[in-house]
């Protein structure tokens, strides 16, 4: 009823002017033609842009259908291209039971999805639709076949593409080893000596020790709009930020296009709001060196490299100076593998200049190189190799690179934890701290999403050279990929949110009461970070803060009668 019918597909949807279809000749993969589906600008919602073709035969409710097609990514912001398949009536009424979202990287990936027709359709009354309204991407889709096996076929016996990852099972060996490393590398011993006002030890005092802020960064991208807004959602947004995150990054508000003509309104106030709550902030980004991510007026300097170079230098000095002393990190160069327009005009050496200028302007801030696709692919991944060689090249030329930023945008290709740990080992050879700078799990399968969130956090928290994990958004109402959010639009937590909360704020939170020994000393092994310590003995009590290092910390609490 649909067989190698690439020519039958047309572009549709309210945002169809934001995409285009191009025929593509294919050899060596069992089909001759494919369609290159180009999404030129993010439509805002995946159903707004699609390609579709009508079915050519009747369908009856309960018929077992098998869809097969191949997908690959030609270009995208993350190295993975997405599409969502739906069977729907010709007028666009979706048969919900048939919704499948898939993704693929650079190589062709074959997909097979059996399902039952949810209702009857006459010939041409239904259509096969591939939604394309994701962020800017170029996806190749070919070998499309839809077969009707009739109502008697056994759905459960048919092959089906299953989206999962190696090491997901609870007894996977990697996880046991990772949990041991967490205990080894993320904890320290806190020794609390309790005395009275005369300095005399208070034996057997009760000592309550509560972790308030992890040393490890657990954060999210945020927006000026929602940090400063007055709506009910903005207030809830701020509550979530303050309750669940100790680090933050502005998703777009610090980027060059948003600050080209004048500083972004409200940015300084939003930054101060975070700092006042002891939320550490990363700067993102100074230079995203592709025309599509640079301020449009810069294009007039394409034929004037000296002026273009000067403009990039000024951008760095102004942006870093504006926030000097307030930011923990800056992403100096973003995505140098795929976004290279400026380097092709100015030479790779300009990256060294950018790092030097940034460091000179704020020596206390750590300067990062940031890129995506690093956890993807096998050992011969060209993207990962380029990132590694770029870091090595920058260090050899004296660029003051202080850290490595690894993006983690996953969809239908979640990386096995063993691979991620091996990649982290590889990049740790540089002796630089590593940050997971952008985490999003764009998955419809909420159980898979929660499991991978759990295992991603365990894997990265277990690696001694990783210093933080940053979500690229957390709320469906303001997320570049709404299905990747932790919270629904109405703020209902999804299973992935529960996975985050259960680990970060329960399992990995030290909150204990112990009794001091006969010498007035209490000892606790806890997760590194900022603690509140409360000691009490009869009518005597006192509270004090302390920072617990991995190497251990000591403090004295002097108890006195309550005032």
Protein backbone atom coordinates (compact mmCIF):
# COMPACT_ATOMS: atom_id res chain seq x y z
CA UNK A 1 0.00 0.00 0.00
CA UNK A 2 3.11 2.18 0.13
CA UNK A 3 6.31 0.87 -1.40
CA UNK A 4 9.48 2.83 -2.22
CA UNK A 5 7.20 5.78 -2.79
CA UNK A 6 9.57 8.68 -2.18
CA UNK A 7 8.08 10.50 -5.16
CA UNK A 8 4.62 10.39 -3.55
CA UNK A 9 5.61 12.54 -0.57
CA UNK A 10 4.94 16.25 -0.42
CA UNK A 11 5.76 18.88 2.16
CA UNK A 12 2.93 20.19 4.31
CA UNK A 13 1.98 21.97 7.50
CA UNK A 14 1.53 25.58 8.60
CA UNK A 15 5.32 26.02 8.59
CA UNK A 16 6.04 24.33 5.27
CA UNK A 17 7.84 27.46 4.03
CA UNK A 18 10.51 26.66 6.64
CA UNK A 19 11.44 23.38 4.95
CA UNK A 20 12.08 21.75 1.62
CA UNK A 21 12.32 18.26 0.11
CA UNK A 22 15.07 17.21 -2.27
CA UNK A 23 15.25 13.85 -4.11
CA UNK A 24 18.34 11.84 -3.35
CA UNK A 25 19.82 8.92 -5.29
CA UNK A 26 20.96 6.06 -3.05
CA UNK A 27 23.02 2.95 -3.83
CA UNK A 28 24.06 -0.05 -1.77
CA UNK A 29 21.29 0.06 0.82
CA UNK A 30 18.46 -1.86 -0.81
CA UNK A 31 16.58 1.18 -2.12
CA UNK A 32 17.26 3.61 -4.93
CA UNK A 33 15.70 6.84 -3.78
CA UNK A 34 15.42 8.87 -0.62
CA UNK A 35 14.21 12.30 0.30
CA UNK A 36 16.42 14.90 1.90
CA UNK A 37 14.13 16.77 4.29
CA UNK A 38 15.60 20.14 5.18
CA UNK A 39 14.23 22.09 8.14
CA UNK A 40 15.78 25.50 7.64
CA UNK A 41 14.40 27.21 10.74
CA UNK A 42 12.91 25.75 13.92
CA UNK A 43 9.13 25.77 13.36
CA UNK A 44 8.31 25.77 17.08
CA UNK A 45 6.45 22.43 17.21
CA UNK A 46 7.06 19.19 15.35
CA UNK A 47 3.55 18.85 13.77
CA UNK A 48 3.89 22.25 12.06
CA UNK A 49 6.15 20.84 9.32
CA UNK A 50 5.87 17.38 7.81
CA UNK A 51 6.09 15.29 4.67
CA UNK A 52 3.21 12.96 3.85
CA UNK A 53 1.89 10.58 1.21
CA UNK A 54 -1.57 9.01 0.85
CA UNK A 55 -2.10 5.29 1.31
CA UNK A 56 -3.13 3.50 -1.86
CA UNK A 57 -5.39 0.75 -0.48
CA UNK A 58 -8.17 0.49 2.12
CA UNK A 59 -7.36 -0.11 5.78
CA UNK A 60 -9.60 -1.89 8.25
CA UNK A 61 -9.60 -1.38 11.99
CA UNK A 62 -7.37 -4.04 13.55
CA UNK A 63 -5.26 -4.69 10.44
CA UNK A 64 -1.62 -5.32 11.35
CA UNK A 65 0.59 -2.89 9.49
CA UNK A 66 4.39 -2.90 9.29
CA UNK A 67 6.28 0.29 8.54
CA UNK A 68 9.89 0.10 7.41
CA UNK A 69 12.16 2.97 6.45
CA UNK A 70 15.73 4.18 6.79
CA UNK A 71 16.88 7.42 8.36
CA UNK A 72 20.17 9.24 8.62
CA UNK A 73 21.36 12.67 9.70
CA UNK A 74 23.04 14.81 7.08
CA UNK A 75 23.29 17.85 9.34
CA UNK A 76 21.85 18.98 12.67
CA UNK A 77 22.66 21.00 15.75
CA UNK A 78 23.50 17.87 17.73
CA UNK A 79 24.56 15.26 15.18
CA UNK A 80 21.23 13.43 15.46
CA UNK A 81 18.23 14.03 13.18
CA UNK A 82 14.68 13.24 14.25
CA UNK A 83 11.37 12.39 12.69
CA UNK A 84 8.08 11.24 14.16
CA UNK A 85 5.92 8.86 12.14
CA UNK A 86 2.15 9.01 12.44
CA UNK A 87 -0.69 7.39 10.55
CA UNK A 88 -3.48 9.92 10.21
CA UNK A 89 -6.54 10.71 8.18
CA UNK A 90 -6.05 12.82 5.09
CA UNK A 91 -7.44 15.82 6.97
CA UNK A 92 -4.73 15.51 9.62
CA UNK A 93 -6.60 13.69 12.38
CA UNK A 94 -3.86 11.66 14.04
CA UNK A 95 -4.32 8.00 14.94
CA UNK A 96 -2.45 8.27 18.22
CA UNK A 97 -1.62 4.58 18.54
CA UNK A 98 0.80 4.86 15.63
CA UNK A 99 3.08 7.63 16.84
CA UNK A 100 6.78 6.67 16.75
CA UNK A 101 9.68 9.08 17.16
CA UNK A 102 13.09 7.99 15.99
CA UNK A 103 16.50 9.49 15.44
CA UNK A 104 19.68 8.62 13.61
CA UNK A 105 23.25 9.84 13.33
CA UNK A 106 25.43 9.96 10.19
CA UNK A 107 24.90 6.36 9.10
CA UNK A 108 21.68 4.94 7.66
CA UNK A 109 19.55 3.40 10.38
CA UNK A 110 16.80 0.96 9.44
CA UNK A 111 13.54 1.19 11.39
CA UNK A 112 10.73 -1.35 11.67
CA UNK A 113 7.46 -0.61 13.49
CA UNK A 114 4.47 -3.00 13.49
CA UNK A 115 1.12 -1.65 14.71
CA UNK A 116 -2.62 -2.16 14.33
CA UNK A 117 -4.76 0.24 12.35
CA UNK A 118 -6.87 2.04 14.97
CA UNK A 119 -9.78 2.60 12.57
CA UNK A 120 -10.86 1.90 9.01
CA UNK A 121 -9.92 4.09 6.05
CA UNK A 122 -10.80 3.95 2.37
CA UNK A 123 -8.06 4.14 -0.24
CA UNK A 124 -6.50 7.59 -0.05
CA UNK A 125 -8.38 8.51 3.13
CA UNK A 126 -5.29 7.95 5.30
CA UNK A 127 -1.78 9.27 4.92
CA UNK A 128 1.67 8.31 6.12
CA UNK A 129 3.27 11.33 7.75
CA UNK A 130 6.81 12.03 8.90
CA UNK A 131 6.91 15.08 11.15
CA UNK A 132 9.90 17.35 10.63
CA UNK A 133 9.22 20.36 12.85
CA UNK A 134 12.21 19.89 15.11
CA UNK A 135 15.15 22.26 15.40
CA UNK A 136 17.13 23.09 12.27
CA UNK A 137 18.26 19.83 10.67
CA UNK A 138 18.71 17.95 7.42
CA UNK A 139 17.40 14.37 7.54
CA UNK A 140 17.51 11.75 4.78
CA UNK A 141 14.53 9.37 4.73
CA UNK A 142 14.39 6.47 2.27
CA UNK A 143 13.21 2.92 1.66
CA UNK A 144 9.74 3.74 2.96
CA UNK A 145 7.43 0.71 2.90
CA UNK A 146 4.09 0.16 4.59
CA UNK A 147 2.70 -3.38 4.37
CA UNK A 148 -0.73 -4.62 5.47
CA UNK A 149 -0.53 -8.15 6.92
CA UNK A 150 -4.23 -8.30 7.72
CA UNK A 151 -6.03 -8.74 11.05
CA UNK A 152 -4.82 -12.29 11.75
CA UNK A 153 -1.11 -11.48 11.98
CA UNK A 154 0.39 -11.73 15.47
CA UNK A 155 1.66 -8.29 16.33
CA UNK A 156 3.82 -9.47 19.21
CA UNK A 157 5.78 -11.89 16.99
CA UNK A 158 6.87 -9.27 14.48
CA UNK A 159 10.29 -7.61 14.60
CA UNK A 160 10.31 -4.09 16.01
CA UNK A 161 12.95 -1.41 16.40
CA UNK A 162 13.50 -1.02 20.13
CA UNK A 163 15.11 2.13 21.45
CA UNK A 164 17.26 1.27 24.45
CA UNK A 165 20.94 1.16 25.40
CA UNK A 166 23.48 -1.37 26.57
CA UNK A 167 23.91 -1.40 30.33
CA UNK A 168 20.34 -0.43 31.18
CA UNK A 169 19.66 -3.50 33.34
CA UNK A 170 19.83 -2.86 37.07
CA UNK A 171 22.55 -5.46 37.64
CA UNK A 172 24.81 -4.11 34.87
CA UNK A 173 28.46 -4.38 36.00
CA UNK A 174 29.28 -0.76 35.08
CA UNK A 175 26.72 0.55 37.58
CA UNK A 176 28.09 -1.33 40.58
CA UNK A 177 31.59 -0.04 39.79
CA UNK A 178 30.26 3.50 39.30
CA UNK A 179 28.48 3.54 42.65
CA UNK A 180 31.72 2.50 44.35
CA UNK A 181 33.55 5.37 42.63
CA UNK A 182 30.87 7.80 43.80
CA UNK A 183 31.49 6.77 47.39
CA UNK A 184 35.24 7.10 46.84
CA UNK A 185 35.41 10.38 44.92
CA UNK A 186 32.35 12.38 45.96
CA UNK A 187 32.55 12.08 49.73
CA UNK A 188 34.79 13.34 52.50
CA UNK A 189 34.96 12.99 56.27
CA UNK A 190 33.65 15.83 58.39
CA UNK A 191 34.90 16.05 61.96
CA UNK A 192 32.83 18.24 64.30
CA UNK A 193 34.20 19.11 67.73
CA UNK A 194 31.55 20.38 70.14
CA UNK A 195 32.64 22.58 73.08
CA UNK A 196 31.02 24.91 75.57
CA UNK A 197 31.90 28.60 75.85
CA UNK A 198 34.96 27.79 78.00
CA UNK A 199 36.34 25.43 75.36
CA UNK A 200 35.49 22.29 77.30
CA UNK A 201 34.37 19.34 75.12
CA UNK A 202 30.71 18.43 75.32
CA UNK A 203 30.56 14.62 75.22
CA UNK A 204 27.68 12.82 73.54
CA UNK A 205 26.21 16.01 72.05
CA UNK A 206 23.74 15.51 69.22
CA UNK A 207 25.14 16.75 65.91
CA UNK A 208 22.78 17.22 62.95
CA UNK A 209 24.59 17.60 59.62
CA UNK A 210 22.66 18.68 56.51
CA UNK A 211 24.03 19.12 53.00
CA UNK A 212 22.65 22.37 51.55
CA UNK A 213 24.60 22.67 48.29
CA UNK A 214 26.55 19.99 46.46
CA UNK A 215 30.12 20.79 45.45
CA UNK A 216 29.30 19.00 42.19
CA UNK A 217 27.21 21.09 39.83
CA UNK A 218 23.63 19.98 39.22
CA UNK A 219 22.06 22.70 37.09
CA UNK A 220 19.92 23.84 34.21
CA UNK A 221 19.69 26.38 31.43
CA UNK A 222 17.42 29.27 32.40
CA UNK A 223 15.92 32.39 30.83
CA UNK A 224 15.84 36.04 31.84
CA UNK A 225 12.14 36.13 31.01
CA UNK A 226 11.17 33.51 33.57
CA UNK A 227 13.62 34.54 36.28
CA UNK A 228 12.18 38.07 36.26
CA UNK A 229 8.59 37.44 35.19
CA UNK A 230 5.44 38.02 37.26
CA UNK A 231 3.25 35.21 35.92
CA UNK A 232 2.23 32.16 37.95
CA UNK A 233 4.47 30.03 35.74
CA UNK A 234 7.42 32.40 36.25
CA UNK A 235 7.02 32.15 40.02
CA UNK A 236 6.89 28.36 39.82
CA UNK A 237 9.89 28.42 37.48
CA UNK A 238 11.95 30.32 40.06
CA UNK A 239 10.88 27.95 42.82
CA UNK A 240 12.11 24.95 40.83
CA UNK A 241 15.42 26.65 39.99
CA UNK A 242 16.06 27.53 43.62
CA UNK A 243 14.98 24.15 44.97
CA UNK A 244 16.61 21.72 42.56
CA UNK A 245 19.68 23.39 41.00
CA UNK A 246 22.95 24.78 42.30
CA UNK A 247 24.32 25.90 38.91
CA UNK A 248 22.75 27.62 35.92
CA UNK A 249 23.47 28.91 32.44
CA UNK A 250 21.46 31.31 30.31
CA UNK A 251 20.15 29.42 27.29
CA UNK A 252 20.29 32.34 24.85
CA UNK A 253 20.45 35.59 26.81
CA UNK A 254 24.26 35.88 26.86
CA UNK A 255 24.80 34.95 23.21
CA UNK A 256 26.22 37.53 20.82
CA UNK A 257 23.11 38.12 18.64
CA UNK A 258 21.06 38.95 21.74
CA UNK A 259 23.69 41.49 22.84
CA UNK A 260 24.96 42.94 19.56
CA UNK A 261 23.22 46.31 19.43
CA UNK A 262 22.85 46.71 23.20
CA UNK A 263 23.10 44.57 26.34
CA UNK A 264 20.19 42.20 26.80
CA UNK A 265 17.61 43.95 29.02
CA UNK A 266 17.21 42.29 32.41
CA UNK A 267 20.27 40.07 32.06
CA UNK A 268 22.20 41.69 34.90
CA UNK A 269 19.19 41.53 37.23
CA UNK A 270 18.58 37.86 36.41
CA UNK A 271 22.25 37.06 36.93
CA UNK A 272 22.21 38.80 40.30
CA UNK A 273 19.09 36.85 41.28
CA UNK A 274 20.99 33.60 40.75
CA UNK A 275 24.15 34.76 42.52
CA UNK A 276 22.18 35.98 45.53
CA UNK A 277 20.91 32.44 45.94
CA UNK A 278 24.39 30.91 45.72
CA UNK A 279 23.67 29.44 42.29
CA UNK A 280 26.89 29.34 40.29
CA UNK A 281 26.56 30.55 36.69
CA UNK A 282 28.28 29.57 33.43
CA UNK A 283 28.61 32.00 30.54
CA UNK A 284 27.36 30.70 27.18
CA UNK A 285 28.74 31.59 24.72
CA UNK A 286 31.32 34.09 23.47
CA UNK A 287 31.83 32.94 19.88
CA UNK A 288 29.59 30.50 17.97
CA UNK A 289 31.62 30.77 14.77
CA UNK A 290 29.00 30.13 12.08
CA UNK A 291 27.08 32.79 10.15
CA UNK A 292 23.77 31.27 11.14
CA UNK A 293 24.54 31.81 14.83
CA UNK A 294 26.37 35.14 14.57
CA UNK A 295 24.79 38.61 14.55
CA UNK A 296 23.45 39.29 11.06
CA UNK A 297 25.29 42.65 10.65
CA UNK A 298 28.64 40.83 10.77
CA UNK A 299 28.01 39.46 7.28
CA UNK A 300 29.01 42.77 5.75
CA UNK A 301 32.57 42.09 6.90
CA UNK A 302 32.96 38.78 5.03
CA UNK A 303 35.39 40.45 2.65
CA UNK A 304 37.13 42.45 5.40
CA UNK A 305 38.89 39.89 7.64
CA UNK A 306 40.77 42.48 9.70
CA UNK A 307 37.56 44.25 10.69
CA UNK A 308 35.81 40.94 11.31
CA UNK A 309 38.64 39.83 13.61
CA UNK A 310 38.49 43.15 15.46
CA UNK A 311 34.73 42.75 15.97
CA UNK A 312 35.22 39.29 17.50
CA UNK A 313 37.93 40.65 19.79
CA UNK A 314 35.67 43.48 20.93
CA UNK A 315 32.81 41.06 21.54
CA UNK A 316 34.96 38.98 23.86
CA UNK A 317 36.41 41.86 25.84
CA UNK A 318 33.04 43.59 26.30
CA UNK A 319 31.10 40.45 27.25
CA UNK A 320 33.69 39.09 29.66
CA UNK A 321 34.30 42.49 31.25
CA UNK A 322 30.59 43.09 31.72
CA UNK A 323 30.22 39.98 33.88
CA UNK A 324 33.73 39.89 35.34
CA UNK A 325 33.81 38.23 38.75
CA UNK A 326 30.27 36.84 38.48
CA UNK A 327 30.69 33.80 36.22
CA UNK A 328 32.32 30.49 37.02
CA UNK A 329 32.95 29.52 33.37
CA UNK A 330 32.73 30.92 29.85
CA UNK A 331 32.21 28.80 26.74
CA UNK A 332 34.72 30.71 24.62
CA UNK A 333 34.24 28.73 21.39
CA UNK A 334 31.09 26.73 20.73
CA UNK A 335 30.92 23.74 18.36
CA UNK A 336 34.14 24.21 16.34
CA UNK A 337 33.64 20.95 14.41
CA UNK A 338 30.56 21.93 12.42
CA UNK A 339 30.50 25.72 12.88
CA UNK A 340 33.68 26.96 11.21
CA UNK A 341 32.82 29.99 9.08
CA UNK A 342 34.96 32.39 11.09
CA UNK A 343 37.94 30.04 11.27
CA UNK A 344 37.84 29.55 7.51
CA UNK A 345 38.10 33.31 7.04
CA UNK A 346 40.42 34.19 9.92
CA UNK A 347 42.38 30.96 10.40
CA UNK A 348 42.35 28.53 13.31
CA UNK A 349 44.85 30.71 15.20
CA UNK A 350 42.01 33.12 15.94
CA UNK A 351 40.67 30.61 18.48
CA UNK A 352 43.90 31.00 20.45
CA UNK A 353 43.42 34.78 20.36
CA UNK A 354 39.85 34.44 21.63
CA UNK A 355 40.92 32.30 24.59
CA UNK A 356 43.77 34.66 25.43
CA UNK A 357 41.57 37.74 25.36
CA UNK A 358 38.89 36.10 27.49
CA UNK A 359 41.41 34.98 30.11
CA UNK A 360 43.15 38.35 30.20
CA UNK A 361 39.82 40.07 30.79
CA UNK A 362 38.74 37.79 33.66
CA UNK A 363 41.65 35.66 34.90
CA UNK A 364 39.57 34.02 37.64
CA UNK A 365 36.96 32.65 35.21
CA UNK A 366 37.53 29.20 33.67
CA UNK A 367 37.53 29.23 29.87
CA UNK A 368 35.92 26.26 28.07
CA UNK A 369 35.73 24.71 24.62
CA UNK A 370 32.24 23.29 24.06
CA UNK A 371 30.92 20.82 21.47
CA UNK A 372 28.25 18.21 20.81
CA UNK A 373 28.32 14.63 19.55
CA UNK A 374 31.27 13.64 21.73
CA UNK A 375 29.56 10.65 23.34
CA UNK A 376 28.12 9.50 19.98
CA UNK A 377 29.54 6.86 17.66
CA UNK A 378 32.31 4.31 17.98
CA UNK A 379 36.01 4.70 18.64
CA UNK A 380 36.56 6.21 15.18
CA UNK A 381 34.02 9.04 15.59
CA UNK A 382 35.35 11.93 13.45
CA UNK A 383 33.55 14.50 15.58
CA UNK A 384 35.11 13.24 18.79
CA UNK A 385 38.53 12.98 17.15
CA UNK A 386 38.28 16.58 15.94
CA UNK A 387 37.32 17.78 19.43
CA UNK A 388 40.26 15.93 20.98
CA UNK A 389 42.72 17.25 18.40
CA UNK A 390 41.39 20.80 18.74
CA UNK A 391 41.97 20.74 22.50
CA UNK A 392 45.47 19.36 22.00
CA UNK A 393 46.18 21.97 19.29
CA UNK A 394 44.97 24.84 21.49
CA UNK A 395 47.06 23.72 24.45
CA UNK A 396 50.17 23.35 22.27
CA UNK A 397 49.78 26.95 21.09
CA UNK A 398 49.39 28.37 24.54
CA UNK A 399 45.65 28.96 24.58
CA UNK A 400 44.52 29.26 28.22
CA UNK A 401 41.85 26.58 27.95
CA UNK A 402 40.72 25.67 31.45
CA UNK A 403 37.99 23.11 30.81
CA UNK A 404 36.19 20.80 28.42
CA UNK A 405 32.47 21.17 27.76
CA UNK A 406 30.65 18.09 26.46
CA UNK A 407 27.09 18.52 25.24
CA UNK A 408 24.69 15.60 25.64
CA UNK A 409 21.60 15.91 23.47
CA UNK A 410 20.13 12.42 23.15
CA UNK A 411 17.02 11.11 21.46
CA UNK A 412 16.71 7.72 19.84
CA UNK A 413 20.41 6.96 20.28
CA UNK A 414 21.17 7.01 24.01
CA UNK A 415 24.85 6.26 24.53
CA UNK A 416 25.84 3.22 26.60
CA UNK A 417 27.30 4.27 29.96
CA UNK A 418 30.43 2.20 29.31
CA UNK A 419 31.11 4.29 26.20
CA UNK A 420 30.54 7.56 28.00
CA UNK A 421 32.92 6.55 30.77
CA UNK A 422 35.57 5.55 28.23
CA UNK A 423 35.22 8.92 26.47
CA UNK A 424 35.56 10.72 29.78
CA UNK A 425 38.74 8.75 30.47
CA UNK A 426 40.07 9.72 27.04
CA UNK A 427 39.51 13.45 27.53
CA UNK A 428 40.78 13.35 31.11
CA UNK A 429 44.25 12.82 29.63
CA UNK A 430 44.43 16.61 29.20
CA UNK A 431 44.24 17.16 32.95
CA UNK A 432 41.34 19.60 32.51
CA UNK A 433 37.99 19.54 34.31
CA UNK A 434 35.04 18.26 32.26
CA UNK A 435 31.51 19.65 32.39
CA UNK A 436 28.38 18.09 30.93
CA UNK A 437 27.19 21.42 29.59
CA UNK A 438 23.93 20.64 27.80
CA UNK A 439 21.82 17.61 28.69
CA UNK A 440 18.50 16.88 26.98
CA UNK A 441 16.76 13.52 26.53
CA UNK A 442 14.27 13.94 23.68
CA UNK A 443 12.29 10.73 24.17
CA UNK A 444 8.63 9.79 24.07
CA UNK A 445 9.23 6.64 26.11
CA UNK A 446 9.07 8.06 29.64
CA UNK A 447 10.43 4.89 31.24
CA UNK A 448 13.44 4.89 28.92
CA UNK A 449 13.92 8.61 29.55
CA UNK A 450 13.90 8.11 33.32
CA UNK A 451 16.24 5.12 33.18
CA UNK A 452 18.73 6.96 31.02
CA UNK A 453 18.56 10.06 33.21
CA UNK A 454 19.37 7.83 36.18
CA UNK A 455 22.26 6.12 34.45
CA UNK A 456 23.64 9.27 32.86
CA UNK A 457 23.79 10.94 36.27
CA UNK A 458 25.35 7.89 37.92
CA UNK A 459 27.98 7.54 35.19
CA UNK A 460 29.04 11.17 35.17
CA UNK A 461 28.84 11.70 38.93
CA UNK A 462 31.07 8.65 39.31
CA UNK A 463 33.83 10.01 37.10
CA UNK A 464 36.36 11.95 39.20
CA UNK A 465 37.19 14.44 36.43
CA UNK A 466 33.59 15.55 35.81
CA UNK A 467 32.58 18.63 37.78
CA UNK A 468 28.95 19.15 36.80
CA UNK A 469 25.87 18.22 34.78
CA UNK A 470 23.74 20.98 33.23
CA UNK A 471 20.25 20.30 31.87
CA UNK A 472 19.39 22.28 28.75
CA UNK A 473 16.05 23.32 30.23
CA UNK A 474 13.62 21.62 32.60
CA UNK A 475 10.05 22.82 31.88
CA UNK A 476 7.90 21.86 28.89
CA UNK A 477 6.58 25.42 28.71
CA UNK A 478 10.08 26.71 27.96
CA UNK A 479 12.21 24.01 26.41
CA UNK A 480 13.84 23.80 22.99
CA UNK A 481 12.69 20.16 22.87
CA UNK A 482 9.50 20.00 24.97
CA UNK A 483 9.48 16.20 25.23
CA UNK A 484 12.89 16.38 26.92
CA UNK A 485 11.64 18.47 29.84
CA UNK A 486 11.52 17.20 33.41
CA UNK A 487 8.19 18.88 34.13
CA UNK A 488 5.00 18.99 32.04
CA UNK A 489 3.51 22.34 31.06
CA UNK A 490 1.29 22.17 34.18
CA UNK A 491 4.39 21.42 36.31
CA UNK A 492 3.59 17.75 36.83
CA UNK A 493 6.96 16.00 37.29
CA UNK A 494 7.74 13.35 34.71
CA UNK A 495 9.51 10.10 35.65
CA UNK A 496 12.84 11.65 34.57
CA UNK A 497 12.27 14.43 37.10
CA UNK A 498 11.74 11.82 39.79
CA UNK A 499 15.01 10.16 38.73
CA UNK A 500 16.85 13.49 39.07
CA UNK A 501 15.26 14.32 42.43
CA UNK A 502 15.68 10.81 43.87
CA UNK A 503 19.40 10.81 43.13
CA UNK A 504 20.48 14.43 43.58
CA UNK A 505 18.23 15.38 46.48
CA UNK A 506 17.68 12.08 48.26
CA UNK A 507 20.22 9.33 47.63
CA UNK A 508 23.12 11.77 47.21
CA UNK A 509 22.14 14.10 50.03
CA UNK A 510 23.71 13.74 53.46
CA UNK A 511 21.25 14.57 56.24
CA UNK A 512 22.11 12.71 59.42
CA UNK A 513 22.21 13.07 63.19
CA UNK A 514 25.07 11.47 65.09
CA UNK A 515 26.22 11.53 68.69
CA UNK A 516 29.59 12.97 69.61
CA UNK A 517 31.99 10.65 71.43
CA UNK A 518 33.24 11.13 74.95
CA UNK A 519 35.66 13.78 73.65
CA UNK A 520 32.87 15.80 72.07
CA UNK A 521 33.83 14.81 68.52
CA UNK A 522 31.34 13.61 65.89
CA UNK A 523 32.47 12.20 62.56
CA UNK A 524 30.42 11.79 59.42
CA UNK A 525 31.33 10.74 55.91
CA UNK A 526 29.20 12.75 53.55
CA UNK A 527 28.92 14.18 50.06
CA UNK A 528 31.18 17.14 49.42
CA UNK A 529 29.64 20.58 49.57
CA UNK A 530 28.18 23.24 51.83
CA UNK A 531 26.68 22.04 55.11
CA UNK A 532 24.65 23.39 57.99
CA UNK A 533 25.77 21.85 61.28
CA UNK A 534 23.61 22.02 64.40
CA UNK A 535 24.93 20.78 67.72
CA UNK A 536 22.86 20.45 70.88
CA UNK A 537 23.21 19.10 74.40
CA UNK A 538 20.43 19.76 76.87
CA UNK A 539 19.74 23.50 76.87
CA UNK A 540 22.90 24.23 74.87
CA UNK A 541 22.88 24.53 71.09
CA UNK A 542 24.55 26.24 68.14
CA UNK A 543 24.48 26.29 64.34
CA UNK A 544 27.38 26.84 61.96
CA UNK A 545 28.15 26.41 58.26
CA UNK A 546 31.04 24.39 56.89
CA UNK A 547 32.40 23.35 53.49
CA UNK A 548 33.27 19.67 53.23
CA UNK A 549 36.16 18.81 50.90
CA UNK A 550 37.00 15.37 49.58
CA UNK A 551 40.18 15.52 51.64
CA UNK A 552 38.07 16.11 54.74
CA UNK A 553 37.16 19.10 56.88
CA UNK A 554 37.25 19.91 60.58
CA UNK A 555 35.30 22.45 62.58
CA UNK A 556 34.47 23.42 66.14
CA UNK A 557 30.96 24.30 67.23
CA UNK A 558 30.59 26.25 70.46
CA UNK A 559 27.23 25.57 72.08
CA UNK A 560 25.55 28.06 74.36
CA UNK A 561 22.17 28.54 76.05
CA UNK A 562 19.44 29.58 73.62
CA UNK A 563 18.73 33.30 73.74
